[in-house]
C-alpha atoms as a PDB file:
ATOM      1  CA  MET A   1    -198.305 -76.976-156.493  1.00  0.00           C
ATOM      2  CA  ILE A   2    -201.957 -75.956-156.034  1.00  0.00           C
ATOM      3  CA  ARG A   3    -202.122 -78.023-152.857  1.00  0.00           C
ATOM      4  CA  GLN A   4    -199.030 -76.270-151.485  1.00  0.00           C
ATOM      5  CA  MET A   5    -200.553 -72.858-152.238  1.00  0.00           C
ATOM      6  CA  LYS A   6    -203.726 -73.827-150.385  1.00  0.00           C
ATOM      7  CA  LEU A   7    -201.589 -74.593-147.342  1.00  0.00           C
ATOM      8  CA  ILE A   8    -199.457 -71.431-147.589  1.00  0.00           C
ATOM      9  CA  ILE A   9    -202.269 -68.887-148.107  1.00  0.00           C
ATOM     10  CA  PRO A  10    -203.983 -69.474-144.701  1.00  0.00           C
ATOM     11  CA  VAL A  11    -200.616 -69.200-142.959  1.00  0.00           C
ATOM     12  CA  LEU A  12    -199.925 -65.874-144.712  1.00  0.00           C
ATOM     13  CA  VAL A  13    -203.373 -64.561-143.805  1.00  0.00           C
ATOM     14  CA  LEU A  14    -202.839 -65.502-140.155  1.00  0.00           C
ATOM     15  CA  LEU A  15    -199.408 -63.867-140.121  1.00  0.00           C
ATOM     16  CA  MET A  16    -200.708 -60.636-141.687  1.00  0.00           C
ATOM     17  CA  THR A  17    -203.606 -60.528-139.214  1.00  0.00           C
ATOM     18  CA  THR A  18    -201.172 -60.896-136.302  1.00  0.00           C
ATOM     19  CA  LEU A  19    -198.892 -58.130-137.630  1.00  0.00           C
ATOM     20  CA  VAL A  20    -201.792 -55.726-138.164  1.00  0.00           C
ATOM     21  CA  ALA A  21    -203.153 -56.423-134.679  1.00  0.00           C
ATOM     22  CA  ALA A  22    -199.715 -55.801-133.133  1.00  0.00           C
ATOM     23  CA  ALA A  23    -199.357 -52.544-135.073  1.00  0.00           C
ATOM     24  CA  ASP A  24    -202.765 -51.401-133.884  1.00  0.00           C
ATOM     25  CA  GLU A  25    -201.845 -51.838-130.211  1.00  0.00           C
ATOM     26  CA  SER A  26    -200.887 -48.551-128.612  1.00  0.00           C
ATOM     27  CA  LEU A  27    -201.450 -46.567-125.452  1.00  0.00           C
ATOM     28  CA  ALA A  28    -203.953 -44.347-127.291  1.00  0.00           C
ATOM     29  CA  ILE A  29    -206.113 -47.350-128.227  1.00  0.00           C
ATOM     30  CA  ALA A  30    -205.903 -48.698-124.672  1.00  0.00           C
ATOM     31  CA  ARG A  31    -207.201 -45.334-123.436  1.00  0.00           C
ATOM     32  CA  GLU A  32    -210.121 -45.548-125.850  1.00  0.00           C
ATOM     33  CA  LEU A  33    -210.950 -49.046-124.596  1.00  0.00           C
ATOM     34  CA  TYR A  34    -210.855 -47.776-121.015  1.00  0.00           C
ATOM     35  CA  ALA A  35    -213.104 -44.835-121.891  1.00  0.00           C
ATOM     36  CA  ALA A  36    -215.546 -47.307-123.464  1.00  0.00           C
ATOM     37  CA  ALA A  37    -215.564 -49.325-120.194  1.00  0.00           C
ATOM     38  CA  ALA A  38    -213.850 -52.282-121.946  1.00  0.00           C
ATOM     39  CA  TYR A  39    -211.594 -52.706-118.916  1.00  0.00           C
ATOM     40  CA  GLU A  40    -210.504 -56.305-119.524  1.00  0.00           C
ATOM     41  CA  ASP A  41    -209.583 -55.630-123.170  1.00  0.00           C
ATOM     42  CA  ALA A  42    -207.732 -52.443-122.204  1.00  0.00           C
ATOM     43  CA  LEU A  43    -205.861 -54.245-119.404  1.00  0.00           C
ATOM     44  CA  GLN A  44    -204.766 -57.081-121.698  1.00  0.00           C
ATOM     45  CA  MET A  45    -203.446 -54.606-124.251  1.00  0.00           C
ATOM     46  CA  LEU A  46    -201.646 -52.598-121.564  1.00  0.00           C
ATOM     47  CA  ASN A  47    -200.039 -55.762-120.170  1.00  0.00           C
ATOM     48  CA  ARG A  48    -198.744 -56.645-123.623  1.00  0.00           C
ATOM     49  CA  LEU A  49    -197.430 -53.120-124.137  1.00  0.00           C
ATOM     50  CA  ARG A  50    -195.711 -53.176-120.752  1.00  0.00           C
ATOM     51  CA  ALA A  51    -193.861 -56.377-121.711  1.00  0.00           C
ATOM     52  CA  THR A  52    -192.327 -54.636-124.739  1.00  0.00           C
ATOM     53  CA  ASP A  53    -189.449 -52.182-124.901  1.00  0.00           C
ATOM     54  CA  VAL A  54    -191.546 -49.007-124.717  1.00  0.00           C
ATOM     55  CA  PRO A  55    -190.073 -45.518-124.185  1.00  0.00           C
ATOM     56  CA  ALA A  56    -189.873 -44.319-120.589  1.00  0.00           C
ATOM     57  CA  SER A  57    -192.322 -41.520-121.454  1.00  0.00           C
ATOM     58  CA  ASP A  58    -195.003 -44.136-122.293  1.00  0.00           C
ATOM     59  CA  ARG A  59    -194.339 -46.425-119.326  1.00  0.00           C
ATOM     60  CA  ARG A  60    -195.922 -44.074-116.794  1.00  0.00           C
ATOM     61  CA  GLY A  61    -199.074 -43.811-118.908  1.00  0.00           C
ATOM     62  CA  ILE A  62    -199.218 -47.600-119.252  1.00  0.00           C
ATOM     63  CA  ASP A  63    -198.889 -48.127-115.485  1.00  0.00           C
ATOM     64  CA  GLN A  64    -201.381 -45.329-114.846  1.00  0.00           C
ATOM     65  CA  TYR A  65    -204.089 -46.827-117.049  1.00  0.00           C
ATOM     66  CA  ARG A  66    -203.341 -50.311-115.735  1.00  0.00           C
ATOM     67  CA  ALA A  67    -204.148 -48.962-112.279  1.00  0.00           C
ATOM     68  CA  PHE A  68    -207.366 -47.377-113.599  1.00  0.00           C
ATOM     69  CA  CYS A  69    -208.460 -50.661-115.181  1.00  0.00           C
ATOM     70  CA  LEU A  70    -207.553 -52.748-112.149  1.00  0.00           C
ATOM     71  CA  LEU A  71    -209.503 -50.464-109.825  1.00  0.00           C
ATOM     72  CA  ALA A  72    -212.506 -50.537-112.162  1.00  0.00           C
ATOM     73  CA  LEU A  73    -212.336 -54.352-112.092  1.00  0.00           C
ATOM     74  CA  GLY A  74    -212.190 -54.394-108.273  1.00  0.00           C
ATOM     75  CA  ARG A  75    -208.597 -55.709-108.150  1.00  0.00           C
ATOM     76  CA  THR A  76    -207.481 -53.260-105.454  1.00  0.00           C
ATOM     77  CA  SER A  77    -204.182 -54.924-104.474  1.00  0.00           C
ATOM     78  CA  ASP A  78    -202.994 -55.169-108.089  1.00  0.00           C
ATOM     79  CA  ALA A  79    -204.055 -51.562-108.668  1.00  0.00           C
ATOM     80  CA  GLU A  80    -201.995 -50.372-105.704  1.00  0.00           C
ATOM     81  CA  ARG A  81    -198.904 -52.096-107.098  1.00  0.00           C
ATOM     82  CA  ALA A  82    -199.468 -50.382-110.449  1.00  0.00           C
ATOM     83  CA  ILE A  83    -199.807 -47.012-108.682  1.00  0.00           C
ATOM     84  CA  GLU A  84    -196.600 -47.744-106.747  1.00  0.00           C
ATOM     85  CA  ALA A  85    -194.782 -48.169-110.074  1.00  0.00           C
ATOM     86  CA  VAL A  86    -196.046 -44.745-111.212  1.00  0.00           C
ATOM     87  CA  VAL A  87    -195.079 -43.024-107.942  1.00  0.00           C
ATOM     88  CA  SER A  88    -191.630 -44.687-107.878  1.00  0.00           C
ATOM     89  CA  ALA A  89    -190.884 -43.406-111.380  1.00  0.00           C
ATOM     90  CA  GLU A  90    -192.339 -39.919-110.821  1.00  0.00           C
ATOM     91  CA  PRO A  91    -192.957 -39.071-107.141  1.00  0.00           C
ATOM     92  CA  LEU A  92    -194.566 -35.688-107.860  1.00  0.00           C
ATOM     93  CA  TYR A  93    -197.111 -37.001-110.386  1.00  0.00           C
ATOM     94  CA  GLN A  94    -200.808 -36.733-109.462  1.00  0.00           C
ATOM     95  CA  PRO A  95    -203.707 -37.516-111.831  1.00  0.00           C
ATOM     96  CA  SER A  96    -205.759 -34.467-112.753  1.00  0.00           C
ATOM     97  CA  ASP A  97    -209.363 -34.056-111.649  1.00  0.00           C
ATOM     98  CA  LEU A  98    -210.447 -34.314-115.299  1.00  0.00           C
ATOM     99  CA  ASP A  99    -208.714 -37.664-115.827  1.00  0.00           C
ATOM    100  CA  VAL A 100    -210.032 -39.767-112.977  1.00  0.00           C
ATOM    101  CA  SER A 101    -212.828 -40.237-110.495  1.00  0.00           C
ATOM    102  CA  PRO A 102    -212.590 -39.225-106.798  1.00  0.00           C
ATOM    103  CA  ARG A 103    -212.052 -42.899-105.938  1.00  0.00           C
ATOM    104  CA  LEU A 104    -208.996 -43.078-108.183  1.00  0.00           C
ATOM    105  CA  ARG A 105    -207.600 -39.794-106.836  1.00  0.00           C
ATOM    106  CA  THR A 106    -207.986 -41.133-103.302  1.00  0.00           C
ATOM    107  CA  ALA A 107    -206.150 -44.334-104.229  1.00  0.00           C
ATOM    108  CA  PHE A 108    -203.239 -42.331-105.699  1.00  0.00           C
ATOM    109  CA  SER A 109    -203.186 -40.030-102.666  1.00  0.00           C
ATOM    110  CA  ASP A 110    -203.063 -42.931-100.198  1.00  0.00           C
ATOM    111  CA  VAL A 111    -200.188 -44.623-102.028  1.00  0.00           C
ATOM    112  CA  ARG A 112    -198.203 -41.371-102.280  1.00  0.00           C
ATOM    113  CA  LYS A 113    -198.605 -40.635 -98.559  1.00  0.00           C
ATOM    114  CA  ARG A 114    -197.295 -44.107 -97.773  1.00  0.00           C
ATOM    115  CA  MET A 115    -194.383 -44.074-100.254  1.00  0.00           C
ATOM    116  CA  LEU A 116    -193.036 -40.514-100.263  1.00  0.00           C
ATOM    117  CA  PRO A 117    -191.088 -40.682 -96.946  1.00  0.00           C
ATOM    118  CA  GLY A 118    -189.147 -43.698 -98.226  1.00  0.00           C
ATOM    119  CA  ILE A 119    -188.605 -42.085-101.637  1.00  0.00           C
ATOM    120  CA  ILE A 120    -187.245 -38.946 -99.944  1.00  0.00           C
ATOM    121  CA  GLN A 121    -184.722 -40.981 -97.953  1.00  0.00           C
ATOM    122  CA  ASP A 122    -183.682 -42.827-101.129  1.00  0.00           C
ATOM    123  CA  GLN A 123    -183.242 -39.497-102.968  1.00  0.00           C
ATOM    124  CA  TYR A 124    -181.038 -38.232-100.119  1.00  0.00           C
ATOM    125  CA  ASN A 125    -178.881 -41.378-100.201  1.00  0.00           C
ATOM    126  CA  ARG A 126    -178.413 -41.131-103.994  1.00  0.00           C
ATOM    127  CA  ALA A 127    -177.583 -37.426-103.775  1.00  0.00           C
ATOM    128  CA  LYS A 128    -175.081 -37.971-100.936  1.00  0.00           C
ATOM    129  CA  GLN A 129    -173.410 -40.776-102.893  1.00  0.00           C
ATOM    130  CA  ALA A 130    -173.028 -38.451-105.893  1.00  0.00           C
ATOM    131  CA  PHE A 131    -171.594 -35.754-103.587  1.00  0.00           C
ATOM    132  CA  ASP A 132    -169.063 -38.187-102.092  1.00  0.00           C
ATOM    133  CA  GLN A 133    -168.025 -39.138-105.641  1.00  0.00           C
ATOM    134  CA  LYS A 134    -167.606 -35.382-106.411  1.00  0.00           C
ATOM    135  CA  ASN A 135    -170.321 -35.561-109.076  1.00  0.00           C
ATOM    136  CA  PHE A 136    -171.603 -32.189-107.928  1.00  0.00           C
ATOM    137  CA  GLU A 137    -174.035 -31.497-110.787  1.00  0.00           C
ATOM    138  CA  VAL A 138    -175.917 -34.767-110.141  1.00  0.00           C
ATOM    139  CA  ALA A 139    -175.725 -34.193-106.389  1.00  0.00           C
ATOM    140  CA  ALA A 140    -177.171 -30.668-106.614  1.00  0.00           C
ATOM    141  CA  SER A 141    -179.965 -31.793-108.937  1.00  0.00           C
ATOM    142  CA  THR A 142    -180.899 -34.777-106.747  1.00  0.00           C
ATOM    143  CA  PHE A 143    -180.770 -32.764-103.498  1.00  0.00           C
ATOM    144  CA  ARG A 144    -183.059 -30.188-105.174  1.00  0.00           C
ATOM    145  CA  ASP A 145    -185.491 -32.935-106.234  1.00  0.00           C
ATOM    146  CA  MET A 146    -185.455 -34.347-102.707  1.00  0.00           C
ATOM    147  CA  LEU A 147    -186.267 -30.965-101.142  1.00  0.00           C
ATOM    148  CA  THR A 148    -189.086 -30.467-103.679  1.00  0.00           C
ATOM    149  CA  THR A 149    -190.539 -33.881-102.828  1.00  0.00           C
ATOM    150  CA  LEU A 150    -190.199 -33.115 -99.116  1.00  0.00           C
ATOM    151  CA  ALA A 151    -192.320 -29.965 -99.609  1.00  0.00           C
ATOM    152  CA  ASP A 152    -195.150 -31.939-101.269  1.00  0.00           C
ATOM    153  CA  PRO A 153    -198.405 -31.625 -99.229  1.00  0.00           C
ATOM    154  CA  ALA A 154    -198.774 -35.417 -99.304  1.00  0.00           C
ATOM    155  CA  VAL A 155    -195.796 -35.735 -96.933  1.00  0.00           C
ATOM    156  CA  GLY A 156    -197.787 -33.816 -94.326  1.00  0.00           C
ATOM    157  CA  PRO A 157    -196.584 -33.413 -90.725  1.00  0.00           C
ATOM    158  CA  ALA A 158    -193.885 -36.075 -91.222  1.00  0.00           C
ATOM    159  CA  ALA A 159    -191.804 -33.410 -93.024  1.00  0.00           C
ATOM    160  CA  ASN A 160    -191.261 -31.621 -89.694  1.00  0.00           C
ATOM    161  CA  LEU A 161    -190.481 -34.733 -87.663  1.00  0.00           C
ATOM    162  CA  PRO A 162    -187.422 -37.003 -87.486  1.00  0.00           C
ATOM    163  CA  PRO A 163    -185.979 -38.461 -89.597  1.00  0.00           C
ATOM    164  CA  LEU A 164    -187.181 -36.193 -92.449  1.00  0.00           C
ATOM    165  CA  ILE A 165    -186.533 -32.898 -90.644  1.00  0.00           C
ATOM    166  CA  ASP A 166    -182.943 -34.029 -89.972  1.00  0.00           C
ATOM    167  CA  LEU A 167    -182.481 -35.039 -93.619  1.00  0.00           C
ATOM    168  CA  LYS A 168    -183.799 -31.638 -94.698  1.00  0.00           C
ATOM    169  CA  THR A 169    -181.153 -29.845 -92.619  1.00  0.00           C
ATOM    170  CA  LEU A 170    -178.395 -31.971 -94.138  1.00  0.00           C
ATOM    171  CA  ALA A 171    -179.810 -31.736 -97.671  1.00  0.00           C
ATOM    172  CA  VAL A 172    -179.931 -27.914 -97.585  1.00  0.00           C
ATOM    173  CA  GLY A 173    -176.296 -27.777 -96.501  1.00  0.00           C
ATOM    174  CA  PHE A 174    -175.111 -30.345 -99.039  1.00  0.00           C
ATOM    175  CA  TYR A 175    -177.119 -28.700-101.822  1.00  0.00           C
ATOM    176  CA  GLU A 176    -175.384 -25.369-101.179  1.00  0.00           C
ATOM    177  CA  LEU A 177    -171.982 -27.082-101.092  1.00  0.00           C
ATOM    178  CA  SER A 178    -172.754 -28.988-104.316  1.00  0.00           C
ATOM    179  CA  ALA A 179    -173.981 -25.905-106.175  1.00  0.00           C
ATOM    180  CA  ALA A 180    -170.903 -23.935-105.104  1.00  0.00           C
ATOM    181  CA  ALA A 181    -168.559 -26.752-106.201  1.00  0.00           C
ATOM    182  CA  ILE A 182    -169.932 -27.089-109.752  1.00  0.00           C
ATOM    183  CA  PRO A 183    -167.105 -25.920-112.035  1.00  0.00           C
ATOM    184  CA  PRO A 184    -167.854 -23.082-114.465  1.00  0.00           C
ATOM    185  CA  PRO A 185    -168.212 -23.982-118.155  1.00  0.00           C
ATOM    186  CA  PRO A 186    -164.857 -24.318-119.935  1.00  0.00           C
ATOM    187  CA  LYS A 187    -163.491 -21.313-121.762  1.00  0.00           C
ATOM    188  CA  PRO A 188    -163.081 -21.566-125.548  1.00  0.00           C
ATOM    189  CA  PRO A 189    -159.734 -23.089-126.510  1.00  0.00           C
ATOM    190  CA  VAL A 190    -156.871 -20.734-127.247  1.00  0.00           C
ATOM    191  CA  ALA A 191    -154.502 -21.494-130.101  1.00  0.00           C
ATOM    192  CA  ALA A 192    -151.284 -22.943-128.736  1.00  0.00           C
ATOM    193  CA  PRO A 193    -148.085 -21.033-129.460  1.00  0.00           C
ATOM    194  CA  PRO A 194    -145.558 -22.697-131.750  1.00  0.00           C
ATOM    195  CA  VAL A 195    -143.366 -25.256-130.047  1.00  0.00           C
ATOM    196  CA  VAL A 196    -139.742 -24.207-129.700  1.00  0.00           C
ATOM    197  CA  ALA A 197    -137.212 -26.941-128.991  1.00  0.00           C
ATOM    198  CA  LEU A 198    -135.247 -26.214-125.828  1.00  0.00           C
ATOM    199  CA  ASN A 199    -132.666 -28.107-123.945  1.00  0.00           C
ATOM    200  CA  PRO A 200    -134.393 -29.996-121.136  1.00  0.00           C
ATOM    201  CA  PRO A 201    -133.714 -28.607-117.665  1.00  0.00           C
ATOM    202  CA  PRO A 202    -131.451 -30.649-115.442  1.00  0.00           C
ATOM    203  CA  ALA A 203    -133.247 -33.290-113.435  1.00  0.00           C
ATOM    204  CA  GLN A 204    -134.131 -32.229-109.924  1.00  0.00           C
ATOM    205  CA  PRO A 205    -133.403 -34.589-107.058  1.00  0.00           C
ATOM    206  CA  PRO A 206    -136.590 -36.195-105.741  1.00  0.00           C
ATOM    207  CA  VAL A 207    -138.106 -34.601-102.658  1.00  0.00           C
ATOM    208  CA  VAL A 208    -138.870 -37.051 -99.885  1.00  0.00           C
ATOM    209  CA  SER A 209    -142.639 -37.055 -99.339  1.00  0.00           C
ATOM    210  CA  ARG A 210    -143.537 -36.284 -95.755  1.00  0.00           C
ATOM    211  CA  ILE A 211    -146.126 -34.209 -93.924  1.00  0.00           C
ATOM    212  CA  TYR A 212    -144.849 -30.987 -92.365  1.00  0.00           C
ATOM    213  CA  SER A 213    -146.518 -28.884 -89.664  1.00  0.00           C
ATOM    214  CA  SER A 214    -146.105 -25.698 -87.663  1.00  0.00           C
ATOM    215  CA  GLN A 215    -143.264 -27.401 -85.765  1.00  0.00           C
ATOM    216  CA  ASP A 216    -141.107 -27.181 -88.898  1.00  0.00           C
ATOM    217  CA  ALA A 217    -139.766 -23.643 -88.684  1.00  0.00           C
ATOM    218  CA  ASP A 218    -138.158 -23.696 -92.130  1.00  0.00           C
ATOM    219  CA  VAL A 219    -141.478 -24.421 -93.906  1.00  0.00           C
ATOM    220  CA  VAL A 220    -143.679 -21.574 -95.183  1.00  0.00           C
ATOM    221  CA  PRO A 221    -147.259 -22.536 -94.144  1.00  0.00           C
ATOM    222  CA  PRO A 222    -150.053 -22.748 -96.719  1.00  0.00           C
ATOM    223  CA  SER A 223    -152.372 -19.781 -97.281  1.00  0.00           C
ATOM    224  CA  ALA A 224    -156.112 -20.179 -97.808  1.00  0.00           C
ATOM    225  CA  ILE A 225    -157.741 -19.515-101.178  1.00  0.00           C
ATOM    226  CA  ARG A 226    -161.101 -21.029-100.273  1.00  0.00           C
ATOM    227  CA  GLN A 227    -161.767 -22.024 -96.646  1.00  0.00           C
ATOM    228  CA  SER A 228    -165.386 -21.448 -95.633  1.00  0.00           C
ATOM    229  CA  LEU A 229    -167.704 -23.405 -93.361  1.00  0.00           C
ATOM    230  CA  PRO A 230    -171.491 -23.783 -93.686  1.00  0.00           C
ATOM    231  CA  GLU A 231    -173.728 -21.794 -91.380  1.00  0.00           C
ATOM    232  CA  TYR A 232    -174.941 -23.495 -88.246  1.00  0.00           C
ATOM    233  CA  ASP A 233    -178.681 -24.227 -88.277  1.00  0.00           C
ATOM    234  CA  LYS A 234    -180.189 -23.162 -84.965  1.00  0.00           C
ATOM    235  CA  ARG A 235    -182.613 -26.084 -85.147  1.00  0.00           C
ATOM    236  CA  LEU A 236    -179.652 -28.277 -84.190  1.00  0.00           C
ATOM    237  CA  GLY A 237    -179.448 -26.488 -80.841  1.00  0.00           C
ATOM    238  CA  THR A 238    -178.566 -23.020 -79.585  1.00  0.00           C
ATOM    239  CA  THR A 239    -175.369 -24.053 -77.739  1.00  0.00           C
ATOM    240  CA  PRO A 240    -172.999 -25.621 -80.276  1.00  0.00           C
ATOM    241  CA  GLY A 241    -169.757 -27.122 -79.043  1.00  0.00           C
ATOM    242  CA  ARG A 242    -166.292 -25.872 -79.919  1.00  0.00           C
ATOM    243  CA  GLY A 243    -164.875 -27.992 -82.708  1.00  0.00           C
ATOM    244  CA  SER A 244    -161.729 -28.285 -84.733  1.00  0.00           C
ATOM    245  CA  LEU A 245    -160.524 -29.932 -87.915  1.00  0.00           C
ATOM    246  CA  GLU A 246    -157.111 -31.146 -88.972  1.00  0.00           C
ATOM    247  CA  VAL A 247    -156.507 -30.986 -92.730  1.00  0.00           C
ATOM    248  CA  VAL A 248    -153.564 -32.342 -94.703  1.00  0.00           C
ATOM    249  CA  ILE A 249    -152.883 -30.097 -97.713  1.00  0.00           C
ATOM    250  CA  ASP A 250    -150.982 -31.675-100.598  1.00  0.00           C
ATOM    251  CA  GLU A 251    -148.358 -30.151-102.868  1.00  0.00           C
ATOM    252  CA  SER A 252    -151.060 -28.837-105.258  1.00  0.00           C
ATOM    253  CA  GLY A 253    -152.999 -27.008-102.550  1.00  0.00           C
ATOM    254  CA  ASN A 254    -155.818 -29.564-102.418  1.00  0.00           C
ATOM    255  CA  VAL A 255    -157.058 -31.113 -99.186  1.00  0.00           C
ATOM    256  CA  ASP A 256    -155.716 -34.664 -99.084  1.00  0.00           C
ATOM    257  CA  GLN A 257    -157.131 -35.707 -95.685  1.00  0.00           C
ATOM    258  CA  VAL A 258    -159.622 -34.292 -93.175  1.00  0.00           C
ATOM    259  CA  LEU A 259    -159.855 -35.377 -89.544  1.00  0.00           C
ATOM    260  CA  LEU A 260    -162.365 -34.214 -86.913  1.00  0.00           C
ATOM    261  CA  ARG A 261    -160.570 -33.262 -83.713  1.00  0.00           C
ATOM    262  CA  GLY A 262    -163.453 -31.611 -81.847  1.00  0.00           C
ATOM    263  CA  SER A 263    -167.203 -31.976 -82.399  1.00  0.00           C
ATOM    264  CA  VAL A 264    -169.656 -29.078 -82.777  1.00  0.00           C
ATOM    265  CA  HIS A 265    -172.759 -31.221 -83.383  1.00  0.00           C
ATOM    266  CA  PRO A 266    -172.928 -34.640 -85.132  1.00  0.00           C
ATOM    267  CA  LYS A 267    -174.989 -33.344 -88.050  1.00  0.00           C
ATOM    268  CA  TYR A 268    -173.003 -30.130 -88.427  1.00  0.00           C
ATOM    269  CA  ASP A 269    -169.739 -32.106 -88.203  1.00  0.00           C
ATOM    270  CA  GLU A 270    -170.766 -34.046 -91.320  1.00  0.00           C
ATOM    271  CA  LEU A 271    -171.347 -30.812 -93.269  1.00  0.00           C
ATOM    272  CA  ALA A 272    -168.073 -29.318 -92.039  1.00  0.00           C
ATOM    273  CA  LEU A 273    -166.081 -32.407 -93.094  1.00  0.00           C
ATOM    274  CA  ALA A 274    -167.711 -32.340 -96.534  1.00  0.00           C
ATOM    275  CA  ALA A 275    -166.987 -28.617 -96.957  1.00  0.00           C
ATOM    276  CA  ALA A 276    -163.336 -29.056 -95.956  1.00  0.00           C
ATOM    277  CA  GLN A 277    -162.775 -31.604 -98.728  1.00  0.00           C
ATOM    278  CA  ASN A 278    -163.293 -28.804-101.267  1.00  0.00           C
ATOM    279  CA  TRP A 279    -161.056 -26.159 -99.656  1.00  0.00           C
ATOM    280  CA  ARG A 280    -158.153 -24.804-101.720  1.00  0.00           C
ATOM    281  CA  TYR A 281    -154.803 -23.373-100.605  1.00  0.00           C
ATOM    282  CA  ARG A 282    -151.547 -22.039-101.886  1.00  0.00           C
ATOM    283  CA  PRO A 283    -149.377 -24.971-100.814  1.00  0.00           C
ATOM    284  CA  ALA A 284    -146.738 -24.878 -98.110  1.00  0.00           C
ATOM    285  CA  THR A 285    -143.165 -24.648 -99.374  1.00  0.00           C
ATOM    286  CA  LEU A 286    -139.793 -25.837 -98.203  1.00  0.00           C
ATOM    287  CA  ARG A 287    -137.015 -23.811 -99.799  1.00  0.00           C
ATOM    288  CA  GLY A 288    -139.422 -22.924-102.612  1.00  0.00           C
ATOM    289  CA  VAL A 289    -140.578 -26.507-103.223  1.00  0.00           C
ATOM    290  CA  PRO A 290    -144.281 -27.321-102.477  1.00  0.00           C
ATOM    291  CA  VAL A 291    -144.723 -29.874 -99.670  1.00  0.00           C
ATOM    292  CA  LYS A 292    -147.533 -31.546 -97.754  1.00  0.00           C
ATOM    293  CA  TYR A 293    -148.628 -29.748 -94.621  1.00  0.00           C
ATOM    294  CA  SER A 294    -150.887 -30.590 -91.672  1.00  0.00           C
ATOM    295  CA  LYS A 295    -152.938 -27.624 -90.461  1.00  0.00           C
ATOM    296  CA  SER A 296    -155.315 -27.362 -87.485  1.00  0.00           C
ATOM    297  CA  ILE A 297    -158.446 -25.198 -87.907  1.00  0.00           C
ATOM    298  CA  ALA A 298    -160.787 -24.156 -85.090  1.00  0.00           C
ATOM    299  CA  ILE A 299    -164.508 -24.210 -85.892  1.00  0.00           C
ATOM    300  CA  ALA A 300    -166.273 -21.066 -84.707  1.00  0.00           C
ATOM    301  CA  VAL A 301    -169.855 -21.418 -85.937  1.00  0.00           C
ATOM    302  CA  LYS A 302    -172.411 -18.689 -86.503  1.00  0.00           C
ATOM    303  CA  ILE A 303    -176.025 -19.500 -85.659  1.00  0.00           C
ATOM    304  CA  ALA A 304    -178.207 -18.841 -88.692  1.00  0.00           C
ATOM    305  CA  PRO A 305    -181.164 -16.488 -88.011  1.00  0.00           C
END
């Protein structure tokens, strides 16, 4: 029994030492090691922390101090990759003058200048995908973030050159469309009236689904509830073409299909098609029954000042 205890006690001591050491590891301690110029020790602790399931709020700080340590140790390539991780997660982040040396600020600045154009294009693609999926709140937020990133001084002259200047024109238009399409918050529920049993109405004969048009004289055409086009940006050119759209309006007054029949400008056409998808109508009717209807709409653009 005594022999077994002699074997167990060292194992318990080793286990307790390991648990205490793991509990003592934190981003705050790594910062203290960095401040004390113990770069290798700080880097090892940060690497271990990064391999764990840390909160997203701590991950940027871990990558940031990893970059600081790597630069202090002369490992420039590894430091740049650590900075890239910080910029990818938070494109607008810049270390403060009190936190780092001029050399570190320059390293962050160089990486941001190199990465931001690609990040801006990725933000546009994610925002446009959300718009196409009619997730307008996410689309508006992401388009706003993209425009904020585009205005960052690190982007420099590239912001006013293709392809970024073209993306800015599209992003402004899509942001306005997204913000306008966000539904208002729901009204508080109203108590339902008591249910009264009634005889069900006689079944109506099914209406054959077809698309009507102005050639059908006995059909009352749809009337517009919301049918507005975005303004034309004069940076696309001062002589826009004459365009037209063909929309198919379903029995509920929603736009079921949109076709471009005449082009104004390729970039404006994309905004016009997106806007038309959110138009609303009082549906066309045939003898009082709502029907699908194909309607042609001329595009007369106004050049924004």
